[in-house]
C-alpha atoms as a PDB file:
ATOM      1  CA  MET A   1     -13.959  56.506 241.921  1.00  0.00           C
ATOM      2  CA  ASN A   2     -10.828  56.764 243.660  1.00  0.00           C
ATOM      3  CA  GLU A   3      -8.841  59.465 243.941  1.00  0.00           C
ATOM      4  CA  LYS A   4      -4.704  59.044 243.141  1.00  0.00           C
ATOM      5  CA  ILE A   5      -3.063  60.801 245.111  1.00  0.00           C
ATOM      6  CA  VAL A   6       1.049  61.403 243.710  1.00  0.00           C
ATOM      7  CA  LEU A   7       4.353  61.808 245.973  1.00  0.00           C
ATOM      8  CA  ARG A   8       7.306  62.612 243.706  1.00  0.00           C
ATOM      9  CA  ILE A   9      10.578  61.573 244.410  1.00  0.00           C
ATOM     10  CA  SER A  10      12.963  63.766 242.483  1.00  0.00           C
ATOM     11  CA  ASP A  11      15.815  64.364 245.188  1.00  0.00           C
ATOM     12  CA  SER A  12      16.990  61.818 248.252  1.00  0.00           C
ATOM     13  CA  VAL A  13      15.633  64.765 250.127  1.00  0.00           C
ATOM     14  CA  CYS A  14      12.281  65.711 249.719  1.00  0.00           C
ATOM     15  CA  VAL A  15       8.743  64.155 248.762  1.00  0.00           C
ATOM     16  CA  ASP A  16       6.563  66.376 246.502  1.00  0.00           C
ATOM     17  CA  LEU A  17       3.475  66.293 246.850  1.00  0.00           C
ATOM     18  CA  ASP A  18       1.181  68.729 244.526  1.00  0.00           C
ATOM     19  CA  GLY A  19       3.755  71.388 244.732  1.00  0.00           C
ATOM     20  CA  ILE A  20       4.925  70.858 248.240  1.00  0.00           C
ATOM     21  CA  LYS A  21       8.174  69.603 249.169  1.00  0.00           C
ATOM     22  CA  LEU A  22       7.344  67.188 252.632  1.00  0.00           C
ATOM     23  CA  GLN A  23      10.698  66.948 254.246  1.00  0.00           C
ATOM     24  CA  SER A  24      10.128  63.970 256.951  1.00  0.00           C
ATOM     25  CA  THR A  25       8.212  60.803 257.323  1.00  0.00           C
ATOM     26  CA  ASN A  26       6.321  62.056 259.743  1.00  0.00           C
ATOM     27  CA  ASP A  27       5.510  65.622 257.033  1.00  0.00           C
ATOM     28  CA  VAL A  28       4.194  63.095 254.735  1.00  0.00           C
ATOM     29  CA  ALA A  29       2.129  61.058 257.380  1.00  0.00           C
ATOM     30  CA  GLU A  30       0.297  64.055 258.481  1.00  0.00           C
ATOM     31  CA  ALA A  31      -0.484  65.141 255.045  1.00  0.00           C
ATOM     32  CA  LEU A  32      -1.801  62.028 253.639  1.00  0.00           C
ATOM     33  CA  GLU A  33      -3.870  61.686 257.168  1.00  0.00           C
ATOM     34  CA  LYS A  34      -5.654  64.774 256.159  1.00  0.00           C
ATOM     35  CA  ILE A  35      -6.081  64.037 252.475  1.00  0.00           C
ATOM     36  CA  SER A  36      -7.210  60.471 253.501  1.00  0.00           C
ATOM     37  CA  ALA A  37     -10.170  62.672 256.066  1.00  0.00           C
ATOM     38  CA  LYS A  38     -11.470  64.182 252.979  1.00  0.00           C
ATOM     39  CA  HIS A  39     -10.797  61.136 250.123  1.00  0.00           C
ATOM     40  CA  PRO A  40     -11.367  57.750 252.534  1.00  0.00           C
ATOM     41  CA  THR A  41     -10.970  55.492 249.223  1.00  0.00           C
ATOM     42  CA  ALA A  42      -7.688  57.158 247.761  1.00  0.00           C
ATOM     43  CA  THR A  43      -4.635  55.706 246.651  1.00  0.00           C
ATOM     44  CA  VAL A  44      -1.733  56.633 246.841  1.00  0.00           C
ATOM     45  CA  SER A  45       0.914  55.983 244.050  1.00  0.00           C
ATOM     46  CA  ILE A  46       5.157  57.080 245.344  1.00  0.00           C
ATOM     47  CA  GLU A  47       6.603  57.255 242.207  1.00  0.00           C
ATOM     48  CA  ALA A  48      10.839  57.809 241.977  1.00  0.00           C
ATOM     49  CA  ASP A  49      12.750  58.866 238.514  1.00  0.00           C
ATOM     50  CA  ASP A  50      15.847  56.980 240.532  1.00  0.00           C
ATOM     51  CA  SER A  51      16.123  53.924 242.912  1.00  0.00           C
ATOM     52  CA  ASN A  52      19.071  55.766 244.380  1.00  0.00           C
ATOM     53  CA  HIS A  53      16.963  57.954 245.871  1.00  0.00           C
ATOM     54  CA  TYR A  54      16.335  55.624 248.605  1.00  0.00           C
ATOM     55  CA  GLU A  55      16.182  57.674 251.918  1.00  0.00           C
ATOM     56  CA  ALA A  56      13.728  59.754 250.101  1.00  0.00           C
ATOM     57  CA  ILE A  57      11.728  56.720 248.803  1.00  0.00           C
ATOM     58  CA  GLY A  58      11.364  55.043 252.603  1.00  0.00           C
ATOM     59  CA  LYS A  59       9.547  58.434 253.618  1.00  0.00           C
ATOM     60  CA  ALA A  60       7.409  58.374 251.200  1.00  0.00           C
ATOM     61  CA  ILE A  61       6.664  54.294 252.001  1.00  0.00           C
ATOM     62  CA  TYR A  62       6.535  54.580 255.565  1.00  0.00           C
ATOM     63  CA  GLY A  63       4.871  57.833 255.699  1.00  0.00           C
ATOM     64  CA  SER A  64       1.517  56.264 253.743  1.00  0.00           C
ATOM     65  CA  HIS A  65       1.975  53.111 256.010  1.00  0.00           C
ATOM     66  CA  ARG A  66       1.505  55.211 259.274  1.00  0.00           C
ATOM     67  CA  ALA A  67      -1.592  57.613 257.509  1.00  0.00           C
ATOM     68  CA  GLY A  68      -2.972  53.722 256.679  1.00  0.00           C
ATOM     69  CA  PHE A  69      -1.996  53.568 252.699  1.00  0.00           C
ATOM     70  CA  SER A  70      -0.653  49.785 252.047  1.00  0.00           C
ATOM     71  CA  GLY A  71      -1.541  46.805 249.968  1.00  0.00           C
ATOM     72  CA  GLU A  72      -3.713  47.771 247.129  1.00  0.00           C
ATOM     73  CA  ARG A  73      -3.963  51.378 248.181  1.00  0.00           C
ATOM     74  CA  LEU A  74      -0.310  52.152 247.683  1.00  0.00           C
ATOM     75  CA  ARG A  75       1.883  51.821 244.833  1.00  0.00           C
ATOM     76  CA  ILE A  76       5.479  51.874 243.937  1.00  0.00           C
ATOM     77  CA  LEU A  77       7.319  53.210 240.733  1.00  0.00           C
ATOM     78  CA  VAL A  78      11.059  53.194 240.159  1.00  0.00           C
ATOM     79  CA  ASP A  79      12.206  54.318 237.311  1.00  0.00           C
ATOM     80  CA  GLY A  80       8.967  53.724 235.581  1.00  0.00           C
ATOM     81  CA  GLN A  81       8.494  50.304 236.602  1.00  0.00           C
ATOM     82  CA  ILE A  82       5.929  48.845 239.297  1.00  0.00           C
ATOM     83  CA  LEU A  83       7.752  47.032 242.216  1.00  0.00           C
END
């Protein structure tokens, strides 16, 4: 079974990963690379409560891509709707 990693976006600055606030694209990529090393089939779900948090959403997307999550291993939800 694949493990799901949830990146929560609730403001325009930070990406939340299990209560840890990630401030930059590099922080997101590094955190996901560590998780991916232990769980190579994991998927990332980026979940934003508002589409106006575009800066943090971008950090989550680019950080995920840099860590190797794309295609079927990445899903993005904004306001409960899949993009």
